Amino acid sequence: MGNNNYKIVRYFQNAEIDSQVMYSGLTLEEAQDHLELPYTKEPGVWFDSYTKEISYTSYSSLGERIKANHNESPPENGMKEVWRKLGYEKEKIS
């Protein structure tokens, strides 16, 4: 039986600020509803995202966890690629 809980994580553009888990133990619907709220991002500063809560001990690397959780390989440039996909300018994320 798998874990069906999700968590909200706040990611910061400033690489010196660690991401923060804002909420955990949510259903998928609760996590998706959270992202529709107006206070879930500050453009160019931070944004909230959700991810399935999984056991960190089940995988031998971060790459394996990302691949299992999102069914894709991790971005080559880490969060910089995520910010680019969201439309932030290159010079702001270098």
PDB file of N, CA and C in Angstrom:
ATOM      1  N   MET A   1       0.842  -1.169   0.000  1.00  0.00           N
ATOM      2  CA  MET A   1       0.000   0.000   0.000  1.00  0.00           C
ATOM      3  C   MET A   1       0.886   1.229   0.000  1.00  0.00           C
ATOM      4  N   GLY A   2       0.662   2.142  -0.924  1.00  0.00           N
ATOM      5  CA  GLY A   2       1.496   3.322  -1.047  1.00  0.00           C
ATOM      6  C   GLY A   2       0.980   4.489  -0.234  1.00  0.00           C
ATOM      7  N   ASN A   3       1.819   5.455  -0.071  1.00  0.00           N
ATOM      8  CA  ASN A   3       1.470   6.674   0.633  1.00  0.00           C
ATOM      9  C   ASN A   3       0.736   7.595  -0.330  1.00  0.00           C
ATOM     10  N   ASN A   4      -0.433   8.088   0.060  1.00  0.00           N
ATOM     11  CA  ASN A   4      -1.209   8.989  -0.794  1.00  0.00           C
ATOM     12  C   ASN A   4      -1.269  10.393  -0.217  1.00  0.00           C
ATOM     13  N   ASN A   5      -0.272  10.778   0.565  1.00  0.00           N
ATOM     14  CA  ASN A   5      -0.221  12.113   1.140  1.00  0.00           C
ATOM     15  C   ASN A   5       0.678  13.009   0.307  1.00  0.00           C
ATOM     16  N   TYR A   6       0.349  14.300   0.332  1.00  0.00           N
ATOM     17  CA  TYR A   6       1.115  15.293  -0.407  1.00  0.00           C
ATOM     18  C   TYR A   6       1.548  16.393   0.554  1.00  0.00           C
ATOM     19  N   LYS A   7       2.588  17.111   0.161  1.00  0.00           N
ATOM     20  CA  LYS A   7       3.055  18.233   0.963  1.00  0.00           C
ATOM     21  C   LYS A   7       3.229  19.454   0.066  1.00  0.00           C
ATOM     22  N   ILE A   8       3.085  20.610   0.681  1.00  0.00           N
ATOM     23  CA  ILE A   8       3.318  21.885   0.006  1.00  0.00           C
ATOM     24  C   ILE A   8       4.724  22.325   0.386  1.00  0.00           C
ATOM     25  N   VAL A   9       5.526  22.629  -0.638  1.00  0.00           N
ATOM     26  CA  VAL A   9       6.902  23.073  -0.422  1.00  0.00           C
ATOM     27  C   VAL A   9       7.054  24.455  -1.032  1.00  0.00           C
ATOM     28  N   ARG A  10       7.662  25.365  -0.296  1.00  0.00           N
ATOM     29  CA  ARG A  10       7.940  26.714  -0.796  1.00  0.00           C
ATOM     30  C   ARG A  10       9.393  26.761  -1.266  1.00  0.00           C
ATOM     31  N   TYR A  11       9.568  27.123  -2.541  1.00  0.00           N
ATOM     32  CA  TYR A  11      10.890  27.234  -3.160  1.00  0.00           C
ATOM     33  C   TYR A  11      11.228  28.707  -3.360  1.00  0.00           C
ATOM     34  N   PHE A  12      12.473  29.049  -3.087  1.00  0.00           N
ATOM     35  CA  PHE A  12      12.932  30.429  -3.195  1.00  0.00           C
ATOM     36  C   PHE A  12      13.896  30.579  -4.359  1.00  0.00           C
ATOM     37  N   GLN A  13      13.795  31.707  -5.050  1.00  0.00           N
ATOM     38  CA  GLN A  13      14.715  31.966  -6.148  1.00  0.00           C
ATOM     39  C   GLN A  13      16.136  32.147  -5.622  1.00  0.00           C
ATOM     40  N   ASN A  14      16.277  32.772  -4.472  1.00  0.00           N
ATOM     41  CA  ASN A  14      17.580  32.964  -3.848  1.00  0.00           C
ATOM     42  C   ASN A  14      18.101  31.607  -3.375  1.00  0.00           C
ATOM     43  N   ALA A  15      19.153  31.131  -4.000  1.00  0.00           N
ATOM     44  CA  ALA A  15      19.693  29.800  -3.702  1.00  0.00           C
ATOM     45  C   ALA A  15      20.214  29.679  -2.270  1.00  0.00           C
ATOM     46  N   GLU A  16      20.415  30.797  -1.587  1.00  0.00           N
ATOM     47  CA  GLU A  16      20.898  30.756  -0.205  1.00  0.00           C
ATOM     48  C   GLU A  16      19.778  30.446   0.791  1.00  0.00           C
ATOM     49  N   ILE A  17      18.533  30.476   0.319  1.00  0.00           N
ATOM     50  CA  ILE A  17      17.393  30.177   1.188  1.00  0.00           C
ATOM     51  C   ILE A  17      16.900  28.772   0.874  1.00  0.00           C
ATOM     52  N   ASP A  18      16.906  27.910   1.873  1.00  0.00           N
ATOM     53  CA  ASP A  18      16.444  26.534   1.689  1.00  0.00           C
ATOM     54  C   ASP A  18      14.933  26.501   1.465  1.00  0.00           C
ATOM     55  N   SER A  19      14.486  25.505   0.702  1.00  0.00           N
ATOM     56  CA  SER A  19      13.047  25.320   0.532  1.00  0.00           C
ATOM     57  C   SER A  19      12.446  24.941   1.883  1.00  0.00           C
ATOM     58  N   GLN A  20      11.157  25.220   2.044  1.00  0.00           N
ATOM     59  CA  GLN A  20      10.491  24.976   3.313  1.00  0.00           C
ATOM     60  C   GLN A  20       9.211  24.188   3.083  1.00  0.00           C
ATOM     61  N   VAL A  21       8.990  23.168   3.894  1.00  0.00           N
ATOM     62  CA  VAL A  21       7.726  22.442   3.859  1.00  0.00           C
ATOM     63  C   VAL A  21       6.717  23.293   4.627  1.00  0.00           C
ATOM     64  N   MET A  22       5.658  23.706   3.928  1.00  0.00           N
ATOM     65  CA  MET A  22       4.651  24.565   4.526  1.00  0.00           C
ATOM     66  C   MET A  22       3.522  23.740   5.159  1.00  0.00           C
ATOM     67  N   TYR A  23       3.097  22.675   4.475  1.00  0.00           N
ATOM     68  CA  TYR A  23       2.035  21.791   4.951  1.00  0.00           C
ATOM     69  C   TYR A  23       2.368  20.378   4.535  1.00  0.00           C
ATOM     70  N   SER A  24       1.915  19.404   5.293  1.00  0.00           N
ATOM     71  CA  SER A  24       2.102  18.002   4.915  1.00  0.00           C
ATOM     72  C   SER A  24       0.853  17.225   5.295  1.00  0.00           C
ATOM     73  N   GLY A  25       0.762  15.989   4.792  1.00  0.00           N
ATOM     74  CA  GLY A  25      -0.382  15.152   5.096  1.00  0.00           C
ATOM     75  C   GLY A  25      -1.647  15.529   4.353  1.00  0.00           C
ATOM     76  N   LEU A  26      -1.505  16.229   3.225  1.00  0.00           N
ATOM     77  CA  LEU A  26      -2.659  16.669   2.447  1.00  0.00           C
ATOM     78  C   LEU A  26      -3.077  15.618   1.425  1.00  0.00           C
ATOM     79  N   THR A  27      -4.338  15.664   1.027  1.00  0.00           N
ATOM     80  CA  THR A  27      -4.777  14.864  -0.107  1.00  0.00           C
ATOM     81  C   THR A  27      -4.336  15.581  -1.379  1.00  0.00           C
ATOM     82  N   LEU A  28      -4.375  14.895  -2.496  1.00  0.00           N
ATOM     83  CA  LEU A  28      -4.031  15.523  -3.770  1.00  0.00           C
ATOM     84  C   LEU A  28      -4.943  16.715  -4.036  1.00  0.00           C
ATOM     85  N   GLU A  29      -6.215  16.565  -3.781  1.00  0.00           N
ATOM     86  CA  GLU A  29      -7.163  17.666  -4.011  1.00  0.00           C
ATOM     87  C   GLU A  29      -6.843  18.877  -3.132  1.00  0.00           C
ATOM     88  N   GLU A  30      -6.505  18.646  -1.865  1.00  0.00           N
ATOM     89  CA  GLU A  30      -6.145  19.751  -0.968  1.00  0.00           C
ATOM     90  C   GLU A  30      -4.889  20.462  -1.453  1.00  0.00           C
ATOM     91  N   ALA A  31      -3.905  19.688  -1.898  1.00  0.00           N
ATOM     92  CA  ALA A  31      -2.657  20.282  -2.388  1.00  0.00           C
ATOM     93  C   ALA A  31      -2.912  21.110  -3.646  1.00  0.00           C
ATOM     94  N   GLN A  32      -3.705  20.581  -4.553  1.00  0.00           N
ATOM     95  CA  GLN A  32      -4.013  21.316  -5.781  1.00  0.00           C
ATOM     96  C   GLN A  32      -4.830  22.571  -5.469  1.00  0.00           C
ATOM     97  N   ASP A  33      -5.777  22.471  -4.554  1.00  0.00           N
ATOM     98  CA  ASP A  33      -6.579  23.633  -4.165  1.00  0.00           C
ATOM     99  C   ASP A  33      -5.704  24.724  -3.553  1.00  0.00           C
ATOM    100  N   HIS A  34      -4.707  24.332  -2.784  1.00  0.00           N
ATOM    101  CA  HIS A  34      -3.815  25.320  -2.164  1.00  0.00           C
ATOM    102  C   HIS A  34      -3.158  26.207  -3.219  1.00  0.00           C
ATOM    103  N   LEU A  35      -2.732  25.596  -4.316  1.00  0.00           N
ATOM    104  CA  LEU A  35      -2.009  26.359  -5.341  1.00  0.00           C
ATOM    105  C   LEU A  35      -2.902  27.338  -6.084  1.00  0.00           C
ATOM    106  N   GLU A  36      -4.196  27.246  -5.919  1.00  0.00           N
ATOM    107  CA  GLU A  36      -5.126  28.187  -6.553  1.00  0.00           C
ATOM    108  C   GLU A  36      -5.300  29.451  -5.717  1.00  0.00           C
ATOM    109  N   LEU A  37      -4.778  29.446  -4.506  1.00  0.00           N
ATOM    110  CA  LEU A  37      -4.913  30.608  -3.618  1.00  0.00           C
ATOM    111  C   LEU A  37      -3.933  31.703  -4.044  1.00  0.00           C
ATOM    112  N   PRO A  38      -4.317  32.961  -3.857  1.00  0.00           N
ATOM    113  CA  PRO A  38      -3.470  34.066  -4.341  1.00  0.00           C
ATOM    114  C   PRO A  38      -2.143  34.234  -3.603  1.00  0.00           C
ATOM    115  N   TYR A  39      -2.024  33.710  -2.403  1.00  0.00           N
ATOM    116  CA  TYR A  39      -0.801  33.908  -1.622  1.00  0.00           C
ATOM    117  C   TYR A  39       0.204  32.770  -1.774  1.00  0.00           C
ATOM    118  N   THR A  40       0.144  32.031  -2.867  1.00  0.00           N
ATOM    119  CA  THR A  40       1.047  30.889  -3.037  1.00  0.00           C
ATOM    120  C   THR A  40       2.272  31.213  -3.882  1.00  0.00           C
ATOM    121  N   LYS A  41       2.460  32.486  -4.191  1.00  0.00           N
ATOM    122  CA  LYS A  41       3.672  32.874  -4.921  1.00  0.00           C
ATOM    123  C   LYS A  41       3.918  34.366  -4.765  1.00  0.00           C
ATOM    124  N   GLU A  42       5.176  34.717  -4.851  1.00  0.00           N
ATOM    125  CA  GLU A  42       5.632  36.099  -4.930  1.00  0.00           C
ATOM    126  C   GLU A  42       6.570  36.117  -6.128  1.00  0.00           C
ATOM    127  N   PRO A  43       6.058  36.520  -7.316  1.00  0.00           N
ATOM    128  CA  PRO A  43       6.860  36.414  -8.547  1.00  0.00           C
ATOM    129  C   PRO A  43       8.280  36.971  -8.392  1.00  0.00           C
ATOM    130  N   GLY A  44       9.234  36.158  -8.800  1.00  0.00           N
ATOM    131  CA  GLY A  44      10.641  36.531  -8.723  1.00  0.00           C
ATOM    132  C   GLY A  44      11.276  36.306  -7.360  1.00  0.00           C
ATOM    133  N   VAL A  45      10.471  35.871  -6.377  1.00  0.00           N
ATOM    134  CA  VAL A  45      10.987  35.686  -5.023  1.00  0.00           C
ATOM    135  C   VAL A  45      10.805  34.238  -4.562  1.00  0.00           C
ATOM    136  N   TRP A  46       9.570  33.736  -4.614  1.00  0.00           N
ATOM    137  CA  TRP A  46       9.287  32.371  -4.187  1.00  0.00           C
ATOM    138  C   TRP A  46       7.994  31.873  -4.815  1.00  0.00           C
ATOM    139  N   PHE A  47       7.791  30.560  -4.763  1.00  0.00           N
ATOM    140  CA  PHE A  47       6.530  29.965  -5.184  1.00  0.00           C
ATOM    141  C   PHE A  47       6.311  28.667  -4.417  1.00  0.00           C
ATOM    142  N   ASP A  48       5.039  28.302  -4.249  1.00  0.00           N
ATOM    143  CA  ASP A  48       4.679  27.044  -3.614  1.00  0.00           C
ATOM    144  C   ASP A  48       4.436  25.990  -4.677  1.00  0.00           C
ATOM    145  N   SER A  49       4.732  24.768  -4.338  1.00  0.00           N
ATOM    146  CA  SER A  49       4.495  23.633  -5.208  1.00  0.00           C
ATOM    147  C   SER A  49       4.085  22.467  -4.321  1.00  0.00           C
ATOM    148  N   TYR A  50       3.513  21.429  -4.914  1.00  0.00           N
ATOM    149  CA  TYR A  50       3.210  20.251  -4.113  1.00  0.00           C
ATOM    150  C   TYR A  50       3.937  19.050  -4.671  1.00  0.00           C
ATOM    151  N   THR A  51       4.183  18.110  -3.799  1.00  0.00           N
ATOM    152  CA  THR A  51       4.841  16.870  -4.184  1.00  0.00           C
ATOM    153  C   THR A  51       4.311  15.752  -3.301  1.00  0.00           C
ATOM    154  N   LYS A  52       4.335  14.565  -3.822  1.00  0.00           N
ATOM    155  CA  LYS A  52       3.877  13.415  -3.050  1.00  0.00           C
ATOM    156  C   LYS A  52       4.892  13.126  -1.955  1.00  0.00           C
ATOM    157  N   GLU A  53       4.395  12.847  -0.774  1.00  0.00           N
ATOM    158  CA  GLU A  53       5.290  12.482   0.321  1.00  0.00           C
ATOM    159  C   GLU A  53       5.726  11.043   0.114  1.00  0.00           C
ATOM    160  N   ILE A  54       7.023  10.860   0.041  1.00  0.00           N
ATOM    161  CA  ILE A  54       7.577   9.530  -0.158  1.00  0.00           C
ATOM    162  C   ILE A  54       8.685   9.299   0.850  1.00  0.00           C
ATOM    163  N   SER A  55       9.032   8.053   1.038  1.00  0.00           N
ATOM    164  CA  SER A  55      10.092   7.709   1.961  1.00  0.00           C
ATOM    165  C   SER A  55      11.443   8.021   1.327  1.00  0.00           C
ATOM    166  N   TYR A  56      12.238   8.818   2.018  1.00  0.00           N
ATOM    167  CA  TYR A  56      13.557   9.160   1.499  1.00  0.00           C
ATOM    168  C   TYR A  56      14.516   7.980   1.556  1.00  0.00           C
ATOM    169  N   THR A  57      14.214   7.002   2.349  1.00  0.00           N
ATOM    170  CA  THR A  57      15.105   5.854   2.464  1.00  0.00           C
ATOM    171  C   THR A  57      14.858   4.815   1.373  1.00  0.00           C
ATOM    172  N   SER A  58      13.781   4.979   0.607  1.00  0.00           N
ATOM    173  CA  SER A  58      13.458   4.006  -0.435  1.00  0.00           C
ATOM    174  C   SER A  58      14.338   4.151  -1.671  1.00  0.00           C
ATOM    175  N   TYR A  59      14.999   5.287  -1.812  1.00  0.00           N
ATOM    176  CA  TYR A  59      15.777   5.573  -3.007  1.00  0.00           C
ATOM    177  C   TYR A  59      17.210   5.916  -2.622  1.00  0.00           C
ATOM    178  N   SER A  60      18.138   5.578  -3.498  1.00  0.00           N
ATOM    179  CA  SER A  60      19.544   5.796  -3.181  1.00  0.00           C
ATOM    180  C   SER A  60      20.035   7.183  -3.564  1.00  0.00           C
ATOM    181  N   SER A  61      19.228   7.953  -4.316  1.00  0.00           N
ATOM    182  CA  SER A  61      19.677   9.295  -4.705  1.00  0.00           C
ATOM    183  C   SER A  61      18.477  10.205  -4.918  1.00  0.00           C
ATOM    184  N   LEU A  62      18.752  11.492  -4.897  1.00  0.00           N
ATOM    185  CA  LEU A  62      17.721  12.484  -5.173  1.00  0.00           C
ATOM    186  C   LEU A  62      17.145  12.274  -6.569  1.00  0.00           C
ATOM    187  N   GLY A  63      18.002  11.964  -7.526  1.00  0.00           N
ATOM    188  CA  GLY A  63      17.547  11.735  -8.897  1.00  0.00           C
ATOM    189  C   GLY A  63      16.529  10.612  -8.986  1.00  0.00           C
ATOM    190  N   GLU A  64      16.763   9.543  -8.250  1.00  0.00           N
ATOM    191  CA  GLU A  64      15.815   8.429  -8.253  1.00  0.00           C
ATOM    192  C   GLU A  64      14.483   8.834  -7.630  1.00  0.00           C
ATOM    193  N   ARG A  65      14.519   9.639  -6.557  1.00  0.00           N
ATOM    194  CA  ARG A  65      13.278  10.096  -5.927  1.00  0.00           C
ATOM    195  C   ARG A  65      12.489  10.977  -6.883  1.00  0.00           C
ATOM    196  N   ILE A  66      13.175  11.902  -7.565  1.00  0.00           N
ATOM    197  CA  ILE A  66      12.484  12.782  -8.507  1.00  0.00           C
ATOM    198  C   ILE A  66      11.876  11.969  -9.637  1.00  0.00           C
ATOM    199  N   LYS A  67      12.631  11.042 -10.155  1.00  0.00           N
ATOM    200  CA  LYS A  67      12.130  10.224 -11.257  1.00  0.00           C
ATOM    201  C   LYS A  67      10.911   9.413 -10.817  1.00  0.00           C
ATOM    202  N   ALA A  68      10.948   8.843  -9.644  1.00  0.00           N
ATOM    203  CA  ALA A  68       9.830   8.049  -9.154  1.00  0.00           C
ATOM    204  C   ALA A  68       8.623   8.919  -8.841  1.00  0.00           C
ATOM    205  N   ASN A  69       8.856  10.105  -8.315  1.00  0.00           N
ATOM    206  CA  ASN A  69       7.766  10.968  -7.886  1.00  0.00           C
ATOM    207  C   ASN A  69       7.116  11.703  -9.053  1.00  0.00           C
ATOM    208  N   HIS A  70       7.887  12.026 -10.066  1.00  0.00           N
ATOM    209  CA  HIS A  70       7.368  12.835 -11.174  1.00  0.00           C
ATOM    210  C   HIS A  70       7.391  12.111 -12.511  1.00  0.00           C
ATOM    211  N   ASN A  71       7.853  10.871 -12.511  1.00  0.00           N
ATOM    212  CA  ASN A  71       7.938  10.069 -13.732  1.00  0.00           C
ATOM    213  C   ASN A  71       8.767  10.771 -14.809  1.00  0.00           C
ATOM    214  N   GLU A  72       9.815  11.435 -14.393  1.00  0.00           N
ATOM    215  CA  GLU A  72      10.724  12.086 -15.331  1.00  0.00           C
ATOM    216  C   GLU A  72      12.087  12.234 -14.673  1.00  0.00           C
ATOM    217  N   SER A  73      13.093  12.471 -15.463  1.00  0.00           N
ATOM    218  CA  SER A  73      14.432  12.676 -14.919  1.00  0.00           C
ATOM    219  C   SER A  73      14.512  14.054 -14.286  1.00  0.00           C
ATOM    220  N   PRO A  74      15.383  14.222 -13.287  1.00  0.00           N
ATOM    221  CA  PRO A  74      15.519  15.539 -12.670  1.00  0.00           C
ATOM    222  C   PRO A  74      16.090  16.545 -13.659  1.00  0.00           C
ATOM    223  N   PRO A  75      15.726  17.829 -13.525  1.00  0.00           N
ATOM    224  CA  PRO A  75      16.263  18.846 -14.423  1.00  0.00           C
ATOM    225  C   PRO A  75      17.778  18.927 -14.302  1.00  0.00           C
ATOM    226  N   GLU A  76      18.451  19.091 -15.432  1.00  0.00           N
ATOM    227  CA  GLU A  76      19.915  19.171 -15.417  1.00  0.00           C
ATOM    228  C   GLU A  76      20.405  20.375 -14.640  1.00  0.00           C
ATOM    229  N   ASN A  77      19.675  21.472 -14.697  1.00  0.00           N
ATOM    230  CA  ASN A  77      20.095  22.698 -14.029  1.00  0.00           C
ATOM    231  C   ASN A  77      19.337  22.937 -12.729  1.00  0.00           C
ATOM    232  N   GLY A  78      18.746  21.913 -12.165  1.00  0.00           N
ATOM    233  CA  GLY A  78      18.047  22.038 -10.892  1.00  0.00           C
ATOM    234  C   GLY A  78      16.916  23.048 -10.945  1.00  0.00           C
ATOM    235  N   MET A  79      16.788  23.848  -9.905  1.00  0.00           N
ATOM    236  CA  MET A  79      15.679  24.791  -9.803  1.00  0.00           C
ATOM    237  C   MET A  79      15.757  25.885 -10.851  1.00  0.00           C
ATOM    238  N   LYS A  80      16.935  26.178 -11.400  1.00  0.00           N
ATOM    239  CA  LYS A  80      17.022  27.189 -12.454  1.00  0.00           C
ATOM    240  C   LYS A  80      16.120  26.821 -13.624  1.00  0.00           C
ATOM    241  N   GLU A  81      16.069  25.534 -13.941  1.00  0.00           N
ATOM    242  CA  GLU A  81      15.214  25.091 -15.040  1.00  0.00           C
ATOM    243  C   GLU A  81      13.740  25.262 -14.673  1.00  0.00           C
ATOM    244  N   VAL A  82      13.389  25.010 -13.435  1.00  0.00           N
ATOM    245  CA  VAL A  82      12.009  25.202 -12.993  1.00  0.00           C
ATOM    246  C   VAL A  82      11.624  26.666 -13.143  1.00  0.00           C
ATOM    247  N   TRP A  83      12.497  27.567 -12.714  1.00  0.00           N
ATOM    248  CA  TRP A  83      12.209  28.999 -12.823  1.00  0.00           C
ATOM    249  C   TRP A  83      12.070  29.406 -14.286  1.00  0.00           C
ATOM    250  N   ARG A  84      12.903  28.877 -15.167  1.00  0.00           N
ATOM    251  CA  ARG A  84      12.794  29.204 -16.596  1.00  0.00           C
ATOM    252  C   ARG A  84      11.445  28.754 -17.145  1.00  0.00           C
ATOM    253  N   LYS A  85      11.005  27.557 -16.750  1.00  0.00           N
ATOM    254  CA  LYS A  85       9.708  27.058 -17.217  1.00  0.00           C
ATOM    255  C   LYS A  85       8.572  27.950 -16.745  1.00  0.00           C
ATOM    256  N   LEU A  86       8.763  28.608 -15.621  1.00  0.00           N
ATOM    257  CA  LEU A  86       7.738  29.510 -15.103  1.00  0.00           C
ATOM    258  C   LEU A  86       7.803  30.893 -15.733  1.00  0.00           C
ATOM    259  N   GLY A  87       8.786  31.111 -16.626  1.00  0.00           N
ATOM    260  CA  GLY A  87       8.844  32.364 -17.365  1.00  0.00           C
ATOM    261  C   GLY A  87       9.717  33.451 -16.775  1.00  0.00           C
ATOM    262  N   TYR A  88      10.565  33.117 -15.818  1.00  0.00           N
ATOM    263  CA  TYR A  88      11.442  34.135 -15.262  1.00  0.00           C
ATOM    264  C   TYR A  88      12.640  34.348 -16.166  1.00  0.00           C
ATOM    265  N   GLU A  89      13.101  35.581 -16.245  1.00  0.00           N
ATOM    266  CA  GLU A  89      14.202  35.937 -17.142  1.00  0.00           C
ATOM    267  C   GLU A  89      15.501  35.305 -16.688  1.00  0.00           C
ATOM    268  N   LYS A  90      16.338  34.965 -17.668  1.00  0.00           N
ATOM    269  CA  LYS A  90      17.596  34.271 -17.405  1.00  0.00           C
ATOM    270  C   LYS A  90      18.496  35.027 -16.432  1.00  0.00           C
ATOM    271  N   GLU A  91      18.623  36.357 -16.616  1.00  0.00           N
ATOM    272  CA  GLU A  91      19.536  37.109 -15.761  1.00  0.00           C
ATOM    273  C   GLU A  91      19.070  37.151 -14.316  1.00  0.00           C
ATOM    274  N   LYS A  92      17.786  36.948 -14.076  1.00  0.00           N
ATOM    275  CA  LYS A  92      17.282  36.953 -12.711  1.00  0.00           C
ATOM    276  C   LYS A  92      17.564  35.643 -11.995  1.00  0.00           C
ATOM    277  N   ILE A  93      17.867  34.579 -12.726  1.00  0.00           N
ATOM    278  CA  ILE A  93      18.036  33.273 -12.096  1.00  0.00           C
ATOM    279  C   ILE A  93      19.447  32.735 -12.183  1.00  0.00           C
ATOM    280  N   SER A  94      20.363  33.502 -12.710  1.00  0.00           N
ATOM    281  CA  SER A  94      21.749  33.024 -12.845  1.00  0.00           C
ATOM    282  C   SER A  94      22.454  33.023 -11.512  1.00  0.00           C
TER     283      SER A  94
END
